[in-house]
Amino acid sequence: MEVPSGTGQSCHISVCQRISASFPGVFSCARLATKLSRLMNAFDWRFSDFRTLYSGFAIFTSPFTTDVSKAPHHLQLELIELQSNSGLKAKFQDAAIEDFYRLLPPGVMPQLRLHAARVLSMLGSTYLCEQMFSTMNLNKIKHRSRITDDNLQAVSRIATVQELKPDIDTLTKGKRCQTSGHKTHRT
């Protein structure tokens, strides 16, 4: 979709025309069109990788309906075998998609399992990157502007650890308890 640029090309956007008429000199349909065009270009750039990866995602999400002839050569034989296996088709319908690929025999379909692992790790690592960036931004706001890079690294590490449980047995192994310095005398 292309956003019309220049003045006078917003005749089909009645709301834009009303706002422009209500606020002359403040709101410009041409400026809005330029901003929309920039926004669309940014989205195209940001998500361009998905277009190139689309066929890989399609194989991952719909291995039983994927056109084998359009699949990469290293996956074609395994896809043919998978699509002809009614037992695996039933498992695919019953299991969660990430669990299904774990059910595939590793010795029989290694390329398909590897493909699924790549797709799953790609999505997971993207999520972790976004989560880490959000955590960093929350910890380095203007009210905490004195936080150093070393402190930020430590705070980020603690914030991104899913479950932090100290191993008390390992920490206390070979250690002796120390009592306080004063002694109580009995009489």
N, C-alpha and C. Protein backbone atom coordinates (compact mmCIF):
# COMPACT_ATOMS: atom_id res chain seq x y z
N MET A 1 0.85 -1.18 0.00
CA MET A 1 0.00 0.00 0.00
C MET A 1 0.88 1.23 0.00
N GLU A 2 0.55 2.17 -0.83
CA GLU A 2 1.33 3.38 -0.90
C GLU A 2 0.51 4.54 -0.38
N VAL A 3 1.11 5.35 0.46
CA VAL A 3 0.43 6.51 1.02
C VAL A 3 0.62 7.66 0.07
N PRO A 4 -0.46 8.37 -0.30
CA PRO A 4 -0.30 9.51 -1.21
C PRO A 4 0.51 10.61 -0.55
N SER A 5 1.40 11.20 -1.29
CA SER A 5 2.22 12.28 -0.75
C SER A 5 1.86 13.57 -1.46
N GLY A 6 2.21 14.68 -0.88
CA GLY A 6 1.92 15.98 -1.48
C GLY A 6 0.57 16.50 -1.01
N THR A 7 0.30 17.74 -1.36
CA THR A 7 -0.95 18.37 -0.92
C THR A 7 -2.07 18.02 -1.88
N GLY A 8 -3.28 18.07 -1.38
CA GLY A 8 -4.45 17.85 -2.21
C GLY A 8 -4.71 16.40 -2.55
N GLN A 9 -3.95 15.47 -2.01
CA GLN A 9 -4.15 14.06 -2.34
C GLN A 9 -4.86 13.32 -1.21
N SER A 10 -5.46 14.04 -0.32
CA SER A 10 -6.15 13.40 0.80
C SER A 10 -7.67 13.51 0.64
N CYS A 11 -8.14 13.69 -0.59
CA CYS A 11 -9.56 13.91 -0.81
C CYS A 11 -10.41 12.73 -0.35
N HIS A 12 -9.85 11.55 -0.23
CA HIS A 12 -10.61 10.38 0.18
C HIS A 12 -10.59 10.17 1.69
N ILE A 13 -9.90 11.01 2.39
CA ILE A 13 -9.82 10.89 3.83
C ILE A 13 -10.57 12.08 4.43
N SER A 14 -11.85 11.92 4.64
CA SER A 14 -12.70 13.03 5.08
C SER A 14 -12.34 13.52 6.48
N VAL A 15 -11.97 12.61 7.36
CA VAL A 15 -11.59 13.01 8.72
C VAL A 15 -10.36 13.91 8.68
N CYS A 16 -9.41 13.55 7.85
CA CYS A 16 -8.19 14.34 7.70
C CYS A 16 -8.53 15.74 7.21
N GLN A 17 -9.44 15.82 6.25
CA GLN A 17 -9.84 17.12 5.72
C GLN A 17 -10.52 17.98 6.79
N ARG A 18 -11.38 17.36 7.60
CA ARG A 18 -12.07 18.12 8.66
C ARG A 18 -11.08 18.65 9.70
N ILE A 19 -10.14 17.81 10.09
CA ILE A 19 -9.15 18.25 11.08
C ILE A 19 -8.29 19.36 10.50
N SER A 20 -7.90 19.21 9.24
CA SER A 20 -7.07 20.22 8.58
C SER A 20 -7.81 21.55 8.49
N ALA A 21 -9.12 21.50 8.21
CA ALA A 21 -9.92 22.72 8.13
C ALA A 21 -10.12 23.34 9.51
N SER A 22 -10.22 22.51 10.56
CA SER A 22 -10.43 23.01 11.92
C SER A 22 -9.17 23.63 12.50
N PHE A 23 -8.02 23.13 12.09
CA PHE A 23 -6.74 23.61 12.63
C PHE A 23 -5.81 24.02 11.49
N PRO A 24 -6.15 25.07 10.75
CA PRO A 24 -5.29 25.46 9.63
C PRO A 24 -3.92 25.92 10.13
N GLY A 25 -2.91 25.48 9.46
CA GLY A 25 -1.54 25.84 9.83
C GLY A 25 -0.95 24.95 10.91
N VAL A 26 -1.80 24.23 11.66
CA VAL A 26 -1.33 23.35 12.73
C VAL A 26 -1.27 21.91 12.24
N PHE A 27 -2.31 21.49 11.56
CA PHE A 27 -2.39 20.11 11.08
C PHE A 27 -2.36 20.12 9.56
N SER A 28 -1.52 19.26 9.01
CA SER A 28 -1.39 19.19 7.56
C SER A 28 -1.56 17.74 7.12
N CYS A 29 -2.48 17.54 6.19
CA CYS A 29 -2.69 16.20 5.65
C CYS A 29 -1.43 15.70 4.94
N ALA A 30 -0.71 16.60 4.31
CA ALA A 30 0.51 16.22 3.60
C ALA A 30 1.56 15.72 4.60
N ARG A 31 1.67 16.41 5.74
CA ARG A 31 2.63 15.96 6.77
C ARG A 31 2.22 14.61 7.32
N LEU A 32 0.91 14.41 7.52
CA LEU A 32 0.42 13.12 8.00
C LEU A 32 0.74 12.03 6.99
N ALA A 33 0.53 12.31 5.71
CA ALA A 33 0.83 11.33 4.67
C ALA A 33 2.31 10.98 4.66
N THR A 34 3.17 11.97 4.85
CA THR A 34 4.61 11.73 4.90
C THR A 34 4.97 10.86 6.10
N LYS A 35 4.39 11.18 7.26
CA LYS A 35 4.66 10.37 8.46
C LYS A 35 4.17 8.94 8.30
N LEU A 36 2.98 8.77 7.71
CA LEU A 36 2.46 7.43 7.47
C LEU A 36 3.36 6.65 6.51
N SER A 37 3.84 7.34 5.49
CA SER A 37 4.75 6.69 4.54
C SER A 37 6.03 6.23 5.23
N ARG A 38 6.59 7.08 6.09
CA ARG A 38 7.79 6.70 6.85
C ARG A 38 7.51 5.53 7.78
N LEU A 39 6.34 5.54 8.41
CA LEU A 39 5.96 4.46 9.32
C LEU A 39 5.85 3.14 8.56
N MET A 40 5.22 3.18 7.39
CA MET A 40 5.09 1.97 6.58
C MET A 40 6.45 1.46 6.11
N ASN A 41 7.34 2.36 5.75
CA ASN A 41 8.70 1.95 5.36
C ASN A 41 9.44 1.32 6.53
N ALA A 42 9.24 1.89 7.72
CA ALA A 42 9.89 1.33 8.92
C ALA A 42 9.36 -0.08 9.20
N PHE A 43 8.06 -0.28 9.07
CA PHE A 43 7.47 -1.61 9.26
C PHE A 43 8.00 -2.59 8.21
N ASP A 44 8.05 -2.14 6.96
CA ASP A 44 8.58 -3.00 5.90
C ASP A 44 10.01 -3.42 6.21
N TRP A 45 10.84 -2.48 6.65
CA TRP A 45 12.23 -2.78 6.96
C TRP A 45 12.31 -3.71 8.17
N ARG A 46 11.53 -3.40 9.20
CA ARG A 46 11.59 -4.17 10.45
C ARG A 46 11.18 -5.62 10.26
N PHE A 47 10.18 -5.85 9.40
CA PHE A 47 9.65 -7.19 9.23
C PHE A 47 10.06 -7.84 7.91
N SER A 48 11.06 -7.28 7.23
CA SER A 48 11.49 -7.85 5.96
C SER A 48 12.07 -9.26 6.13
N ASP A 49 12.68 -9.52 7.26
CA ASP A 49 13.23 -10.86 7.52
C ASP A 49 12.14 -11.92 7.50
N PHE A 50 10.95 -11.56 7.95
CA PHE A 50 9.87 -12.54 7.99
C PHE A 50 9.46 -13.00 6.60
N ARG A 51 9.55 -12.10 5.62
CA ARG A 51 9.21 -12.50 4.25
C ARG A 51 10.19 -13.56 3.74
N THR A 52 11.46 -13.37 4.05
CA THR A 52 12.45 -14.34 3.58
C THR A 52 12.36 -15.65 4.35
N LEU A 53 11.87 -15.60 5.57
CA LEU A 53 11.78 -16.80 6.41
C LEU A 53 10.40 -17.46 6.34
N TYR A 54 9.48 -16.90 5.57
CA TYR A 54 8.11 -17.38 5.54
C TYR A 54 8.00 -18.87 5.19
N SER A 55 8.72 -19.31 4.19
CA SER A 55 8.60 -20.73 3.79
C SER A 55 9.09 -21.65 4.91
N GLY A 56 10.11 -21.25 5.63
CA GLY A 56 10.59 -22.04 6.76
C GLY A 56 9.57 -22.10 7.89
N PHE A 57 8.89 -20.98 8.13
CA PHE A 57 7.83 -20.97 9.14
C PHE A 57 6.67 -21.85 8.70
N ALA A 58 6.34 -21.81 7.41
CA ALA A 58 5.23 -22.61 6.88
C ALA A 58 5.51 -24.10 7.04
N ILE A 59 6.75 -24.51 6.78
CA ILE A 59 7.13 -25.92 6.97
C ILE A 59 7.00 -26.30 8.44
N PHE A 60 7.43 -25.40 9.31
CA PHE A 60 7.37 -25.66 10.75
C PHE A 60 5.93 -25.79 11.24
N THR A 61 5.05 -24.87 10.83
CA THR A 61 3.69 -24.85 11.36
C THR A 61 2.75 -25.82 10.66
N SER A 62 3.04 -26.15 9.39
CA SER A 62 2.14 -27.03 8.63
C SER A 62 2.93 -28.07 7.83
N PRO A 63 3.67 -28.93 8.50
CA PRO A 63 4.52 -29.87 7.77
C PRO A 63 3.73 -30.90 6.95
N PHE A 64 2.48 -31.13 7.31
CA PHE A 64 1.69 -32.14 6.60
C PHE A 64 1.00 -31.58 5.36
N THR A 65 0.91 -30.27 5.24
CA THR A 65 0.27 -29.67 4.07
C THR A 65 1.25 -28.87 3.22
N THR A 66 2.50 -28.81 3.62
CA THR A 66 3.51 -28.09 2.87
C THR A 66 3.76 -28.77 1.52
N ASP A 67 3.91 -27.96 0.49
CA ASP A 67 4.24 -28.48 -0.83
C ASP A 67 5.71 -28.90 -0.82
N VAL A 68 5.94 -30.19 -0.85
CA VAL A 68 7.29 -30.75 -0.74
C VAL A 68 8.21 -30.23 -1.84
N SER A 69 7.67 -30.04 -3.03
CA SER A 69 8.51 -29.60 -4.15
C SER A 69 9.06 -28.19 -3.95
N LYS A 70 8.41 -27.39 -3.11
CA LYS A 70 8.87 -26.02 -2.84
C LYS A 70 9.74 -25.95 -1.58
N ALA A 71 9.87 -27.04 -0.87
CA ALA A 71 10.69 -27.08 0.35
C ALA A 71 12.16 -27.17 -0.02
N PRO A 72 13.05 -26.75 0.87
CA PRO A 72 14.48 -26.92 0.61
C PRO A 72 14.82 -28.39 0.38
N HIS A 73 15.79 -28.64 -0.48
CA HIS A 73 16.13 -30.01 -0.88
C HIS A 73 16.47 -30.91 0.30
N HIS A 74 17.16 -30.37 1.31
CA HIS A 74 17.58 -31.20 2.44
C HIS A 74 16.41 -31.64 3.32
N LEU A 75 15.22 -31.03 3.14
CA LEU A 75 14.05 -31.41 3.94
C LEU A 75 13.04 -32.25 3.15
N GLN A 76 13.17 -32.31 1.84
CA GLN A 76 12.14 -32.92 1.02
C GLN A 76 11.87 -34.39 1.34
N LEU A 77 12.90 -35.21 1.44
CA LEU A 77 12.68 -36.64 1.71
C LEU A 77 12.05 -36.86 3.08
N GLU A 78 12.49 -36.11 4.07
CA GLU A 78 11.92 -36.26 5.40
C GLU A 78 10.47 -35.77 5.44
N LEU A 79 10.14 -34.72 4.68
CA LEU A 79 8.75 -34.26 4.62
C LEU A 79 7.86 -35.29 3.94
N ILE A 80 8.37 -35.94 2.90
CA ILE A 80 7.59 -37.00 2.23
C ILE A 80 7.30 -38.12 3.22
N GLU A 81 8.34 -38.52 3.95
CA GLU A 81 8.16 -39.60 4.94
C GLU A 81 7.18 -39.18 6.03
N LEU A 82 7.29 -37.94 6.49
CA LEU A 82 6.40 -37.44 7.53
C LEU A 82 4.96 -37.39 7.05
N GLN A 83 4.74 -36.86 5.85
CA GLN A 83 3.39 -36.71 5.33
C GLN A 83 2.71 -38.05 5.05
N SER A 84 3.49 -39.09 4.88
CA SER A 84 2.89 -40.41 4.62
C SER A 84 2.70 -41.24 5.89
N ASN A 85 3.03 -40.67 7.04
CA ASN A 85 2.93 -41.38 8.31
C ASN A 85 1.68 -40.91 9.06
N SER A 86 0.64 -41.73 9.05
CA SER A 86 -0.63 -41.35 9.68
C SER A 86 -0.52 -41.27 11.21
N GLY A 87 0.37 -42.08 11.79
CA GLY A 87 0.57 -42.03 13.25
C GLY A 87 1.14 -40.70 13.68
N LEU A 88 2.13 -40.19 12.94
CA LEU A 88 2.70 -38.90 13.27
C LEU A 88 1.72 -37.77 13.00
N LYS A 89 0.88 -37.94 11.98
CA LYS A 89 -0.13 -36.93 11.68
C LYS A 89 -1.11 -36.81 12.85
N ALA A 90 -1.49 -37.94 13.44
CA ALA A 90 -2.39 -37.92 14.60
C ALA A 90 -1.71 -37.25 15.79
N LYS A 91 -0.42 -37.54 15.98
CA LYS A 91 0.32 -36.90 17.09
C LYS A 91 0.42 -35.40 16.88
N PHE A 92 0.59 -34.98 15.61
CA PHE A 92 0.70 -33.55 15.29
C PHE A 92 -0.60 -32.83 15.67
N GLN A 93 -1.73 -33.49 15.45
CA GLN A 93 -3.01 -32.87 15.76
C GLN A 93 -3.28 -32.84 17.26
N ASP A 94 -2.71 -33.77 18.01
CA ASP A 94 -2.96 -33.85 19.44
C ASP A 94 -1.97 -33.07 20.30
N ALA A 95 -0.73 -32.98 19.85
CA ALA A 95 0.33 -32.36 20.68
C ALA A 95 0.52 -30.89 20.33
N ALA A 96 1.09 -30.18 21.28
CA ALA A 96 1.52 -28.80 21.01
C ALA A 96 2.64 -28.88 19.98
N ILE A 97 2.76 -27.86 19.16
CA ILE A 97 3.69 -27.92 18.03
C ILE A 97 5.14 -28.15 18.48
N GLU A 98 5.56 -27.48 19.56
CA GLU A 98 6.94 -27.66 20.02
C GLU A 98 7.17 -29.05 20.59
N ASP A 99 6.13 -29.64 21.16
CA ASP A 99 6.24 -31.01 21.68
C ASP A 99 6.25 -32.03 20.54
N PHE A 100 5.53 -31.75 19.48
CA PHE A 100 5.47 -32.68 18.35
C PHE A 100 6.86 -32.94 17.78
N TYR A 101 7.65 -31.92 17.59
CA TYR A 101 8.96 -32.10 16.98
C TYR A 101 9.91 -32.89 17.89
N ARG A 102 9.67 -32.87 19.18
CA ARG A 102 10.46 -33.70 20.09
C ARG A 102 10.09 -35.18 19.93
N LEU A 103 8.88 -35.44 19.47
CA LEU A 103 8.42 -36.82 19.28
C LEU A 103 8.99 -37.48 18.02
N LEU A 104 9.51 -36.67 17.11
CA LEU A 104 10.06 -37.23 15.87
C LEU A 104 11.30 -38.05 16.19
N PRO A 105 11.42 -39.21 15.58
CA PRO A 105 12.61 -40.04 15.82
C PRO A 105 13.87 -39.31 15.34
N PRO A 106 14.85 -39.08 16.20
CA PRO A 106 16.04 -38.32 15.83
C PRO A 106 16.84 -38.98 14.70
N GLY A 107 16.92 -40.28 14.71
CA GLY A 107 17.70 -40.96 13.67
C GLY A 107 17.01 -40.99 12.32
N VAL A 108 15.69 -40.82 12.32
CA VAL A 108 14.93 -40.94 11.08
C VAL A 108 14.73 -39.58 10.42
N MET A 109 14.49 -38.54 11.19
CA MET A 109 14.21 -37.22 10.64
C MET A 109 15.07 -36.13 11.28
N PRO A 110 16.39 -36.25 11.18
CA PRO A 110 17.26 -35.29 11.85
C PRO A 110 17.18 -33.88 11.26
N GLN A 111 17.03 -33.76 9.95
CA GLN A 111 16.97 -32.44 9.33
C GLN A 111 15.70 -31.69 9.71
N LEU A 112 14.60 -32.39 9.79
CA LEU A 112 13.34 -31.76 10.16
C LEU A 112 13.37 -31.33 11.64
N ARG A 113 13.95 -32.16 12.47
CA ARG A 113 14.10 -31.79 13.89
C ARG A 113 15.01 -30.57 14.04
N LEU A 114 16.09 -30.54 13.28
CA LEU A 114 17.01 -29.41 13.32
C LEU A 114 16.32 -28.14 12.83
N HIS A 115 15.54 -28.27 11.78
CA HIS A 115 14.78 -27.11 11.26
C HIS A 115 13.84 -26.57 12.33
N ALA A 116 13.12 -27.46 12.99
CA ALA A 116 12.19 -27.04 14.05
C ALA A 116 12.94 -26.39 15.21
N ALA A 117 14.08 -26.94 15.57
CA ALA A 117 14.87 -26.36 16.66
C ALA A 117 15.34 -24.95 16.30
N ARG A 118 15.71 -24.75 15.06
CA ARG A 118 16.14 -23.40 14.63
C ARG A 118 14.99 -22.41 14.72
N VAL A 119 13.82 -22.81 14.26
CA VAL A 119 12.66 -21.91 14.32
C VAL A 119 12.30 -21.61 15.77
N LEU A 120 12.25 -22.63 16.60
CA LEU A 120 11.90 -22.42 18.00
C LEU A 120 12.93 -21.55 18.72
N SER A 121 14.21 -21.77 18.46
CA SER A 121 15.23 -20.96 19.14
C SER A 121 15.22 -19.53 18.65
N MET A 122 14.87 -19.33 17.38
CA MET A 122 14.81 -17.98 16.84
C MET A 122 13.74 -17.17 17.57
N LEU A 123 12.59 -17.74 17.74
CA LEU A 123 11.50 -17.03 18.40
C LEU A 123 11.81 -16.81 19.88
N GLY A 124 12.37 -17.81 20.52
CA GLY A 124 12.71 -17.68 21.93
C GLY A 124 13.79 -16.66 22.17
N SER A 125 14.83 -16.62 21.34
CA SER A 125 15.92 -15.68 21.55
C SER A 125 15.47 -14.26 21.26
N THR A 126 14.56 -14.07 20.31
CA THR A 126 14.02 -12.74 20.03
C THR A 126 13.26 -12.24 21.25
N TYR A 127 12.46 -13.11 21.84
CA TYR A 127 11.71 -12.74 23.04
C TYR A 127 12.67 -12.37 24.17
N LEU A 128 13.71 -13.16 24.37
CA LEU A 128 14.66 -12.88 25.44
C LEU A 128 15.38 -11.56 25.22
N CYS A 129 15.72 -11.26 23.96
CA CYS A 129 16.37 -9.99 23.66
C CYS A 129 15.45 -8.82 24.00
N GLU A 130 14.20 -8.93 23.59
CA GLU A 130 13.23 -7.87 23.88
C GLU A 130 13.02 -7.72 25.38
N GLN A 131 12.95 -8.86 26.08
CA GLN A 131 12.76 -8.83 27.53
C GLN A 131 13.97 -8.17 28.21
N MET A 132 15.17 -8.49 27.75
CA MET A 132 16.38 -7.93 28.33
C MET A 132 16.44 -6.42 28.08
N PHE A 133 16.08 -5.99 26.88
CA PHE A 133 16.09 -4.57 26.56
C PHE A 133 15.10 -3.82 27.44
N SER A 134 13.91 -4.37 27.64
CA SER A 134 12.92 -3.74 28.51
C SER A 134 13.41 -3.65 29.94
N THR A 135 14.04 -4.71 30.41
CA THR A 135 14.57 -4.72 31.77
C THR A 135 15.64 -3.65 31.93
N MET A 136 16.51 -3.54 30.94
CA MET A 136 17.57 -2.54 31.00
C MET A 136 16.97 -1.13 31.01
N ASN A 137 15.98 -0.89 30.17
CA ASN A 137 15.35 0.43 30.14
C ASN A 137 14.67 0.76 31.46
N LEU A 138 14.01 -0.23 32.08
CA LEU A 138 13.36 0.02 33.36
C LEU A 138 14.38 0.34 34.46
N ASN A 139 15.54 -0.27 34.37
CA ASN A 139 16.55 -0.06 35.41
C ASN A 139 17.41 1.18 35.16
N LYS A 140 17.42 1.70 33.96
CA LYS A 140 18.25 2.86 33.66
C LYS A 140 17.37 4.03 33.24
N ILE A 141 16.39 4.34 34.08
CA ILE A 141 15.53 5.48 33.83
C ILE A 141 16.17 6.72 34.41
N LYS A 142 15.58 7.88 34.17
CA LYS A 142 16.22 9.12 34.60
C LYS A 142 16.35 9.23 36.12
N HIS A 143 15.49 8.55 36.87
CA HIS A 143 15.57 8.60 38.33
C HIS A 143 16.73 7.76 38.86
N ARG A 144 17.23 6.85 38.03
CA ARG A 144 18.35 6.01 38.43
C ARG A 144 19.51 6.25 37.48
N SER A 145 19.72 7.49 37.08
CA SER A 145 20.71 7.80 36.07
C SER A 145 22.14 7.59 36.56
N ARG A 146 22.34 7.43 37.85
CA ARG A 146 23.68 7.24 38.38
C ARG A 146 24.12 5.79 38.38
N ILE A 147 23.29 4.92 37.86
CA ILE A 147 23.65 3.50 37.82
C ILE A 147 24.78 3.31 36.80
N THR A 148 25.81 2.60 37.20
CA THR A 148 26.95 2.39 36.31
C THR A 148 26.70 1.18 35.42
N ASP A 149 27.52 1.04 34.39
CA ASP A 149 27.37 -0.11 33.49
C ASP A 149 27.56 -1.43 34.23
N ASP A 150 28.51 -1.46 35.18
CA ASP A 150 28.72 -2.69 35.95
C ASP A 150 27.50 -3.02 36.80
N ASN A 151 26.94 -2.01 37.46
CA ASN A 151 25.74 -2.23 38.27
C ASN A 151 24.56 -2.63 37.39
N LEU A 152 24.45 -1.99 36.21
CA LEU A 152 23.36 -2.32 35.29
C LEU A 152 23.46 -3.77 34.84
N GLN A 153 24.69 -4.22 34.59
CA GLN A 153 24.88 -5.62 34.18
C GLN A 153 24.43 -6.56 35.29
N ALA A 154 24.79 -6.26 36.53
CA ALA A 154 24.39 -7.12 37.66
C ALA A 154 22.88 -7.09 37.86
N VAL A 155 22.27 -5.92 37.79
CA VAL A 155 20.83 -5.80 37.97
C VAL A 155 20.11 -6.53 36.85
N SER A 156 20.59 -6.40 35.62
CA SER A 156 19.97 -7.07 34.47
C SER A 156 20.09 -8.58 34.59
N ARG A 157 21.24 -9.06 35.06
CA ARG A 157 21.42 -10.50 35.21
C ARG A 157 20.44 -11.05 36.23
N ILE A 158 20.30 -10.36 37.35
CA ILE A 158 19.37 -10.82 38.39
C ILE A 158 17.93 -10.75 37.90
N ALA A 159 17.60 -9.69 37.16
CA ALA A 159 16.22 -9.51 36.70
C ALA A 159 15.82 -10.53 35.66
N THR A 160 16.76 -11.06 34.90
CA THR A 160 16.41 -11.99 33.83
C THR A 160 16.53 -13.45 34.23
N VAL A 161 17.03 -13.72 35.42
CA VAL A 161 17.10 -15.10 35.89
C VAL A 161 15.69 -15.53 36.25
N GLN A 162 15.26 -16.66 35.70
CA GLN A 162 13.89 -17.11 35.91
C GLN A 162 13.64 -17.48 37.37
N GLU A 163 14.49 -18.29 37.92
CA GLU A 163 14.31 -18.74 39.29
C GLU A 163 15.66 -18.72 39.96
N LEU A 164 15.79 -17.98 41.02
CA LEU A 164 17.06 -17.86 41.70
C LEU A 164 16.93 -18.57 43.04
N LYS A 165 17.51 -19.78 43.11
CA LYS A 165 17.49 -20.54 44.35
C LYS A 165 18.93 -20.87 44.73
N PRO A 166 19.37 -20.40 45.87
CA PRO A 166 20.74 -20.71 46.28
C PRO A 166 20.86 -22.18 46.68
N ASP A 167 21.99 -22.77 46.37
CA ASP A 167 22.27 -24.16 46.74
C ASP A 167 22.97 -24.13 48.10
N ILE A 168 22.18 -24.16 49.15
CA ILE A 168 22.69 -24.01 50.52
C ILE A 168 23.68 -25.12 50.86
N ASP A 169 23.40 -26.34 50.45
CA ASP A 169 24.29 -27.46 50.77
C ASP A 169 25.69 -27.22 50.19
N THR A 170 25.76 -26.78 48.96
CA THR A 170 27.06 -26.53 48.33
C THR A 170 27.75 -25.35 48.98
N LEU A 171 27.00 -24.31 49.29
CA LEU A 171 27.59 -23.12 49.90
C LEU A 171 28.12 -23.40 51.31
N THR A 172 27.50 -24.31 52.04
CA THR A 172 27.93 -24.58 53.42
C THR A 172 28.84 -25.79 53.55
N LYS A 173 29.08 -26.48 52.47
CA LYS A 173 29.91 -27.68 52.52
C LYS A 173 31.34 -27.31 52.95
N GLY A 174 31.83 -27.98 53.97
CA GLY A 174 33.18 -27.73 54.46
C GLY A 174 33.30 -26.50 55.35
N LYS A 175 32.21 -25.87 55.66
CA LYS A 175 32.23 -24.68 56.52
C LYS A 175 31.78 -25.09 57.91
N ARG A 176 32.31 -24.37 58.90
CA ARG A 176 31.88 -24.61 60.28
C ARG A 176 31.12 -23.39 60.76
N CYS A 177 30.16 -23.65 61.61
CA CYS A 177 29.37 -22.55 62.16
C CYS A 177 30.22 -21.74 63.11
N GLN A 178 30.04 -20.45 63.09
CA GLN A 178 30.74 -19.57 64.02
C GLN A 178 29.71 -18.98 64.95
N THR A 179 30.08 -18.94 66.21
CA THR A 179 29.18 -18.36 67.21
C THR A 179 29.63 -16.94 67.49
N SER A 180 28.80 -16.19 68.22
CA SER A 180 29.16 -14.81 68.54
C SER A 180 30.33 -14.79 69.50
N GLY A 181 30.98 -13.66 69.62
CA GLY A 181 32.22 -13.52 70.38
C GLY A 181 32.07 -13.62 71.90
N HIS A 182 30.92 -13.35 72.47
CA HIS A 182 30.81 -13.40 73.93
C HIS A 182 30.28 -14.77 74.37
N LYS A 183 30.75 -15.18 75.54
CA LYS A 183 30.34 -16.48 76.08
C LYS A 183 29.43 -16.25 77.28
N THR A 184 28.54 -17.16 77.44
CA THR A 184 27.64 -17.11 78.60
C THR A 184 28.16 -18.11 79.65
N HIS A 185 28.35 -17.63 80.86
CA HIS A 185 28.83 -18.51 81.94
C HIS A 185 27.66 -19.00 82.76
N ARG A 186 27.71 -20.28 83.10
CA ARG A 186 26.70 -20.84 83.97
C ARG A 186 27.25 -20.91 85.39
N THR A 187 26.45 -20.67 86.30
CA THR A 187 26.88 -20.79 87.69
C THR A 187 26.14 -21.82 88.44
